[in-house]
Amino acid sequence: MKKLLIALIAGAFALGSVAATAQTPQGDKTPAAPVDQKALKAERDAAKAKAAAMTPEEKAAAKKAKRAEKQKALGATEKAGQEGGASPQAQAAEGAKAAKESKAQPKALPTKEEKQKALKEQEKKASGQ
């Protein structure tokens, strides 16, 4: 009985691993774009030299500017993620667009005479007269 249980577990493991490998995409795998390591190192060294040459006041100002930029980006992300998703201006624009589309829809004719008149006008237009 134990041998049967072990065989079933081994078979399930084998089938599971086959299924897992079958789900990986085998499409067109393009290699990553080549990166110029020397240029990256030169940029990094230049940034380090510039930071070393800064005075403490300049460093504090740069730090403050970077923090303000981060806060601004975070605020924009936070606004976009709030419940309701869109800002009030975007919702107003959507409402105006919906109103414009509803105006483009043909209006229902309330009386039989108006329906007949509209039908005759359509027939005239269709016949080219």
N, C-alpha and C. Protein backbone atom coordinates (compact mmCIF):
# COMPACT_ATOMS: atom_id res chain seq x y z
N MET A 1 0.83 -1.19 0.00
CA MET A 1 0.00 0.00 0.00
C MET A 1 0.87 1.25 0.00
N LYS A 2 1.96 1.21 0.78
CA LYS A 2 2.86 2.35 0.84
C LYS A 2 3.54 2.57 -0.51
N LYS A 3 3.89 1.49 -1.20
CA LYS A 3 4.53 1.61 -2.50
C LYS A 3 3.59 2.27 -3.51
N LEU A 4 2.30 1.92 -3.45
CA LEU A 4 1.32 2.52 -4.34
C LEU A 4 1.17 4.01 -4.06
N LEU A 5 1.14 4.37 -2.80
CA LEU A 5 1.04 5.78 -2.41
C LEU A 5 2.26 6.56 -2.88
N ILE A 6 3.43 5.99 -2.72
CA ILE A 6 4.66 6.64 -3.16
C ILE A 6 4.66 6.80 -4.67
N ALA A 7 4.21 5.76 -5.40
CA ALA A 7 4.15 5.83 -6.85
C ALA A 7 3.17 6.92 -7.31
N LEU A 8 2.04 7.03 -6.64
CA LEU A 8 1.06 8.07 -6.98
C LEU A 8 1.61 9.47 -6.73
N ILE A 9 2.30 9.65 -5.63
CA ILE A 9 2.89 10.96 -5.33
C ILE A 9 3.97 11.30 -6.35
N ALA A 10 4.81 10.34 -6.70
CA ALA A 10 5.86 10.58 -7.69
C ALA A 10 5.25 10.91 -9.05
N GLY A 11 4.17 10.20 -9.42
CA GLY A 11 3.51 10.47 -10.70
C GLY A 11 2.88 11.85 -10.71
N ALA A 12 2.25 12.25 -9.60
CA ALA A 12 1.65 13.59 -9.52
C ALA A 12 2.73 14.67 -9.62
N PHE A 13 3.86 14.44 -8.97
CA PHE A 13 4.96 15.39 -9.05
C PHE A 13 5.48 15.52 -10.48
N ALA A 14 5.63 14.40 -11.15
CA ALA A 14 6.13 14.41 -12.53
C ALA A 14 5.16 15.14 -13.45
N LEU A 15 3.87 14.84 -13.31
CA LEU A 15 2.88 15.51 -14.16
C LEU A 15 2.79 17.00 -13.84
N GLY A 16 2.92 17.35 -12.58
CA GLY A 16 2.88 18.76 -12.19
C GLY A 16 4.04 19.53 -12.75
N SER A 17 5.23 18.94 -12.74
CA SER A 17 6.39 19.64 -13.28
C SER A 17 6.30 19.78 -14.79
N VAL A 18 5.74 18.79 -15.46
CA VAL A 18 5.55 18.87 -16.91
C VAL A 18 4.55 19.99 -17.24
N ALA A 19 3.48 20.07 -16.48
CA ALA A 19 2.48 21.12 -16.71
C ALA A 19 3.07 22.50 -16.45
N ALA A 20 3.91 22.61 -15.44
CA ALA A 20 4.51 23.91 -15.12
C ALA A 20 5.47 24.36 -16.22
N THR A 21 6.24 23.44 -16.77
CA THR A 21 7.17 23.82 -17.83
C THR A 21 6.44 24.07 -19.14
N ALA A 22 5.30 23.46 -19.33
CA ALA A 22 4.55 23.66 -20.57
C ALA A 22 3.93 25.05 -20.63
N GLN A 23 3.75 25.71 -19.50
CA GLN A 23 3.11 27.01 -19.49
C GLN A 23 4.07 28.15 -19.77
N THR A 24 5.35 27.89 -19.82
CA THR A 24 6.30 28.96 -20.11
C THR A 24 6.24 29.28 -21.59
N PRO A 25 6.22 30.56 -21.96
CA PRO A 25 6.14 30.91 -23.38
C PRO A 25 7.42 30.54 -24.11
N GLN A 26 7.26 30.02 -25.30
CA GLN A 26 8.41 29.61 -26.09
C GLN A 26 8.54 30.47 -27.34
N GLY A 27 7.97 31.67 -27.32
CA GLY A 27 7.94 32.54 -28.49
C GLY A 27 9.30 33.14 -28.81
N ASP A 28 9.26 34.22 -29.53
CA ASP A 28 10.46 34.90 -29.99
C ASP A 28 11.14 35.57 -28.81
N LYS A 29 12.28 35.04 -28.42
CA LYS A 29 13.02 35.61 -27.30
C LYS A 29 14.18 36.41 -27.87
N THR A 30 14.02 37.74 -27.84
CA THR A 30 15.08 38.59 -28.36
C THR A 30 16.06 38.88 -27.23
N PRO A 31 17.33 38.93 -27.55
CA PRO A 31 18.31 39.21 -26.51
C PRO A 31 18.20 40.66 -26.04
N ALA A 32 18.65 40.91 -24.85
CA ALA A 32 18.62 42.26 -24.30
C ALA A 32 19.54 43.16 -25.11
N ALA A 33 19.20 44.42 -25.15
CA ALA A 33 20.01 45.37 -25.90
C ALA A 33 21.38 45.49 -25.24
N PRO A 34 22.43 45.57 -26.02
CA PRO A 34 23.77 45.68 -25.44
C PRO A 34 23.93 47.03 -24.72
N VAL A 35 24.58 46.98 -23.57
CA VAL A 35 24.77 48.18 -22.77
C VAL A 35 26.25 48.52 -22.76
N ASP A 36 26.53 49.79 -22.96
CA ASP A 36 27.92 50.25 -22.96
C ASP A 36 28.34 50.46 -21.51
N GLN A 37 29.05 49.50 -20.96
CA GLN A 37 29.45 49.54 -19.56
C GLN A 37 30.41 50.70 -19.28
N LYS A 38 31.26 51.01 -20.24
CA LYS A 38 32.22 52.10 -20.04
C LYS A 38 31.49 53.44 -19.90
N ALA A 39 30.46 53.65 -20.73
CA ALA A 39 29.72 54.91 -20.66
C ALA A 39 28.97 55.02 -19.33
N LEU A 40 28.40 53.90 -18.89
CA LEU A 40 27.69 53.91 -17.61
C LEU A 40 28.65 54.21 -16.46
N LYS A 41 29.82 53.62 -16.50
CA LYS A 41 30.80 53.85 -15.44
C LYS A 41 31.28 55.30 -15.47
N ALA A 42 31.45 55.86 -16.66
CA ALA A 42 31.88 57.25 -16.77
C ALA A 42 30.81 58.18 -16.20
N GLU A 43 29.55 57.91 -16.50
CA GLU A 43 28.46 58.72 -15.96
C GLU A 43 28.42 58.64 -14.43
N ARG A 44 28.60 57.44 -13.91
CA ARG A 44 28.57 57.25 -12.46
C ARG A 44 29.73 57.98 -11.80
N ASP A 45 30.92 57.89 -12.40
CA ASP A 45 32.08 58.57 -11.84
C ASP A 45 31.90 60.09 -11.89
N ALA A 46 31.30 60.59 -12.97
CA ALA A 46 31.06 62.03 -13.09
C ALA A 46 30.08 62.49 -12.03
N ALA A 47 29.05 61.71 -11.79
CA ALA A 47 28.06 62.07 -10.77
C ALA A 47 28.70 62.06 -9.38
N LYS A 48 29.57 61.08 -9.10
CA LYS A 48 30.25 61.03 -7.81
C LYS A 48 31.17 62.23 -7.63
N ALA A 49 31.88 62.61 -8.69
CA ALA A 49 32.79 63.75 -8.61
C ALA A 49 32.01 65.04 -8.38
N LYS A 50 30.87 65.17 -9.05
CA LYS A 50 30.04 66.36 -8.88
C LYS A 50 29.49 66.43 -7.46
N ALA A 51 29.07 65.29 -6.91
CA ALA A 51 28.55 65.26 -5.55
C ALA A 51 29.64 65.57 -4.54
N ALA A 52 30.87 65.11 -4.79
CA ALA A 52 31.98 65.37 -3.87
C ALA A 52 32.38 66.85 -3.89
N ALA A 53 32.19 67.52 -5.02
CA ALA A 53 32.56 68.92 -5.14
C ALA A 53 31.51 69.87 -4.56
N MET A 54 30.35 69.35 -4.22
CA MET A 54 29.27 70.19 -3.70
C MET A 54 29.57 70.63 -2.27
N THR A 55 29.11 71.83 -1.95
CA THR A 55 29.20 72.32 -0.58
C THR A 55 28.05 71.72 0.22
N PRO A 56 28.14 71.74 1.53
CA PRO A 56 27.04 71.20 2.34
C PRO A 56 25.69 71.89 2.06
N GLU A 57 25.71 73.19 1.77
CA GLU A 57 24.47 73.90 1.46
C GLU A 57 23.87 73.40 0.15
N GLU A 58 24.75 73.18 -0.84
CA GLU A 58 24.27 72.68 -2.14
C GLU A 58 23.71 71.27 -2.00
N LYS A 59 24.38 70.46 -1.17
CA LYS A 59 23.88 69.10 -0.94
C LYS A 59 22.50 69.13 -0.30
N ALA A 60 22.32 70.02 0.69
CA ALA A 60 21.03 70.13 1.36
C ALA A 60 19.95 70.60 0.38
N ALA A 61 20.30 71.55 -0.48
CA ALA A 61 19.34 72.06 -1.46
C ALA A 61 18.97 70.97 -2.47
N ALA A 62 19.95 70.19 -2.91
CA ALA A 62 19.68 69.11 -3.86
C ALA A 62 18.80 68.05 -3.22
N LYS A 63 19.08 67.75 -1.94
CA LYS A 63 18.30 66.76 -1.22
C LYS A 63 16.85 67.24 -1.07
N LYS A 64 16.70 68.54 -0.77
CA LYS A 64 15.36 69.11 -0.60
C LYS A 64 14.60 69.09 -1.93
N ALA A 65 15.27 69.40 -3.02
CA ALA A 65 14.62 69.39 -4.34
C ALA A 65 14.20 67.98 -4.72
N LYS A 66 15.07 67.01 -4.45
CA LYS A 66 14.74 65.62 -4.78
C LYS A 66 13.55 65.14 -3.96
N ARG A 67 13.52 65.53 -2.67
CA ARG A 67 12.41 65.14 -1.80
C ARG A 67 11.09 65.76 -2.29
N ALA A 68 11.14 67.04 -2.70
CA ALA A 68 9.94 67.71 -3.21
C ALA A 68 9.44 67.05 -4.48
N GLU A 69 10.36 66.67 -5.35
CA GLU A 69 9.99 66.00 -6.60
C GLU A 69 9.33 64.65 -6.32
N LYS A 70 9.88 63.92 -5.34
CA LYS A 70 9.32 62.63 -4.96
C LYS A 70 7.92 62.79 -4.39
N GLN A 71 7.73 63.82 -3.55
CA GLN A 71 6.42 64.07 -2.96
C GLN A 71 5.40 64.43 -4.03
N LYS A 72 5.82 65.20 -5.01
CA LYS A 72 4.92 65.59 -6.10
C LYS A 72 4.48 64.36 -6.89
N ALA A 73 5.42 63.48 -7.21
CA ALA A 73 5.09 62.26 -7.95
C ALA A 73 4.19 61.36 -7.12
N LEU A 74 4.47 61.27 -5.82
CA LEU A 74 3.66 60.46 -4.93
C LEU A 74 2.23 61.02 -4.85
N GLY A 75 2.11 62.34 -4.80
CA GLY A 75 0.79 62.97 -4.73
C GLY A 75 -0.03 62.68 -5.98
N ALA A 76 0.62 62.73 -7.14
CA ALA A 76 -0.08 62.44 -8.39
C ALA A 76 -0.54 60.99 -8.41
N THR A 77 0.30 60.08 -7.93
CA THR A 77 -0.06 58.67 -7.89
C THR A 77 -1.21 58.45 -6.92
N GLU A 78 -1.15 59.15 -5.80
CA GLU A 78 -2.19 59.01 -4.78
C GLU A 78 -3.53 59.51 -5.30
N LYS A 79 -3.52 60.63 -6.02
CA LYS A 79 -4.77 61.16 -6.58
C LYS A 79 -5.37 60.19 -7.59
N ALA A 80 -4.53 59.59 -8.38
CA ALA A 80 -5.01 58.66 -9.40
C ALA A 80 -5.57 57.39 -8.77
N GLY A 81 -5.06 57.02 -7.61
CA GLY A 81 -5.48 55.78 -6.99
C GLY A 81 -6.66 55.91 -6.04
N GLN A 82 -7.15 57.13 -5.85
CA GLN A 82 -8.26 57.30 -4.92
C GLN A 82 -9.51 56.63 -5.46
N GLU A 83 -10.46 56.36 -4.54
CA GLU A 83 -11.72 55.75 -4.96
C GLU A 83 -12.41 56.64 -5.97
N GLY A 84 -13.04 56.04 -6.92
CA GLY A 84 -13.68 56.80 -7.98
C GLY A 84 -12.75 56.92 -9.17
N GLY A 85 -11.47 56.76 -8.94
CA GLY A 85 -10.49 56.73 -10.02
C GLY A 85 -10.23 58.06 -10.66
N ALA A 86 -11.19 58.64 -11.32
CA ALA A 86 -10.96 59.84 -12.10
C ALA A 86 -11.17 61.09 -11.26
N SER A 87 -10.52 62.16 -11.67
CA SER A 87 -10.68 63.44 -11.00
C SER A 87 -12.03 64.05 -11.36
N PRO A 88 -12.48 65.04 -10.60
CA PRO A 88 -13.76 65.68 -10.92
C PRO A 88 -13.79 66.28 -12.33
N GLN A 89 -12.65 66.82 -12.78
CA GLN A 89 -12.62 67.39 -14.13
C GLN A 89 -12.82 66.31 -15.18
N ALA A 90 -12.21 65.15 -14.97
CA ALA A 90 -12.35 64.05 -15.93
C ALA A 90 -13.79 63.54 -15.93
N GLN A 91 -14.40 63.48 -14.73
CA GLN A 91 -15.78 63.02 -14.65
C GLN A 91 -16.70 64.01 -15.34
N ALA A 92 -16.43 65.32 -15.19
CA ALA A 92 -17.25 66.33 -15.86
C ALA A 92 -17.11 66.22 -17.37
N ALA A 93 -15.90 65.96 -17.84
CA ALA A 93 -15.68 65.81 -19.27
C ALA A 93 -16.43 64.60 -19.81
N GLU A 94 -16.42 63.51 -19.05
CA GLU A 94 -17.16 62.31 -19.47
C GLU A 94 -18.66 62.59 -19.52
N GLY A 95 -19.16 63.35 -18.54
CA GLY A 95 -20.57 63.70 -18.51
C GLY A 95 -20.95 64.55 -19.71
N ALA A 96 -20.09 65.51 -20.07
CA ALA A 96 -20.36 66.36 -21.22
C ALA A 96 -20.35 65.54 -22.51
N LYS A 97 -19.42 64.60 -22.59
CA LYS A 97 -19.34 63.74 -23.77
C LYS A 97 -20.60 62.88 -23.90
N ALA A 98 -21.07 62.33 -22.78
CA ALA A 98 -22.27 61.51 -22.80
C ALA A 98 -23.49 62.34 -23.21
N ALA A 99 -23.55 63.58 -22.73
CA ALA A 99 -24.66 64.45 -23.09
C ALA A 99 -24.64 64.76 -24.59
N LYS A 100 -23.45 64.99 -25.12
CA LYS A 100 -23.33 65.28 -26.55
C LYS A 100 -23.77 64.08 -27.38
N GLU A 101 -23.38 62.88 -26.96
CA GLU A 101 -23.77 61.67 -27.68
C GLU A 101 -25.27 61.44 -27.62
N SER A 102 -25.88 61.77 -26.48
CA SER A 102 -27.33 61.56 -26.37
C SER A 102 -28.08 62.54 -27.25
N LYS A 103 -27.51 63.72 -27.48
CA LYS A 103 -28.15 64.70 -28.37
C LYS A 103 -28.07 64.23 -29.82
N ALA A 104 -27.06 63.43 -30.13
CA ALA A 104 -26.90 62.96 -31.50
C ALA A 104 -27.92 61.87 -31.84
N GLN A 105 -28.49 61.24 -30.84
CA GLN A 105 -29.48 60.20 -31.07
C GLN A 105 -30.77 60.81 -31.61
N PRO A 106 -31.44 60.15 -32.54
CA PRO A 106 -32.70 60.70 -33.06
C PRO A 106 -33.76 60.69 -31.98
N LYS A 107 -34.58 61.73 -31.99
CA LYS A 107 -35.63 61.85 -30.99
C LYS A 107 -36.84 61.03 -31.42
N ALA A 108 -37.52 60.47 -30.45
CA ALA A 108 -38.73 59.70 -30.73
C ALA A 108 -39.85 60.65 -31.13
N LEU A 109 -40.62 60.28 -32.14
CA LEU A 109 -41.71 61.12 -32.59
C LEU A 109 -42.98 60.76 -31.80
N PRO A 110 -43.57 61.72 -31.15
CA PRO A 110 -44.69 61.40 -30.27
C PRO A 110 -46.02 61.11 -30.98
N THR A 111 -46.27 61.70 -32.14
CA THR A 111 -47.58 61.51 -32.77
C THR A 111 -47.45 60.75 -34.08
N LYS A 112 -48.57 60.16 -34.54
CA LYS A 112 -48.57 59.40 -35.78
C LYS A 112 -48.34 60.31 -36.98
N GLU A 113 -48.89 61.53 -36.93
CA GLU A 113 -48.73 62.45 -38.06
C GLU A 113 -47.25 62.79 -38.27
N GLU A 114 -46.55 63.06 -37.19
CA GLU A 114 -45.13 63.40 -37.30
C GLU A 114 -44.34 62.19 -37.81
N LYS A 115 -44.72 61.00 -37.38
CA LYS A 115 -44.05 59.79 -37.85
C LYS A 115 -44.26 59.62 -39.35
N GLN A 116 -45.49 59.84 -39.82
CA GLN A 116 -45.79 59.71 -41.24
C GLN A 116 -45.02 60.75 -42.05
N LYS A 117 -44.97 61.98 -41.54
CA LYS A 117 -44.26 63.05 -42.22
C LYS A 117 -42.77 62.73 -42.33
N ALA A 118 -42.19 62.26 -41.24
CA ALA A 118 -40.77 61.90 -41.25
C ALA A 118 -40.52 60.74 -42.21
N LEU A 119 -41.43 59.77 -42.27
CA LEU A 119 -41.30 58.64 -43.17
C LEU A 119 -41.33 59.09 -44.62
N LYS A 120 -42.23 60.01 -44.94
CA LYS A 120 -42.31 60.54 -46.31
C LYS A 120 -41.03 61.28 -46.67
N GLU A 121 -40.49 62.06 -45.73
CA GLU A 121 -39.25 62.79 -46.00
C GLU A 121 -38.10 61.82 -46.26
N GLN A 122 -38.05 60.73 -45.51
CA GLN A 122 -37.01 59.73 -45.71
C GLN A 122 -37.13 59.08 -47.08
N GLU A 123 -38.37 58.80 -47.49
CA GLU A 123 -38.59 58.18 -48.80
C GLU A 123 -38.16 59.12 -49.91
N LYS A 124 -38.43 60.41 -49.75
CA LYS A 124 -38.01 61.39 -50.75
C LYS A 124 -36.49 61.44 -50.86
N LYS A 125 -35.82 61.44 -49.73
CA LYS A 125 -34.36 61.49 -49.71
C LYS A 125 -33.78 60.22 -50.33
N ALA A 126 -34.39 59.07 -50.06
CA ALA A 126 -33.90 57.81 -50.57
C ALA A 126 -34.07 57.71 -52.08
N SER A 127 -35.18 58.26 -52.59
CA SER A 127 -35.44 58.18 -54.03
C SER A 127 -34.63 59.22 -54.81
N GLY A 128 -34.03 60.18 -54.11
CA GLY A 128 -33.20 61.18 -54.77
C GLY A 128 -33.95 62.37 -55.29
N GLN A 129 -35.15 62.61 -54.84
CA GLN A 129 -35.93 63.75 -55.33
C GLN A 129 -35.80 64.94 -54.47
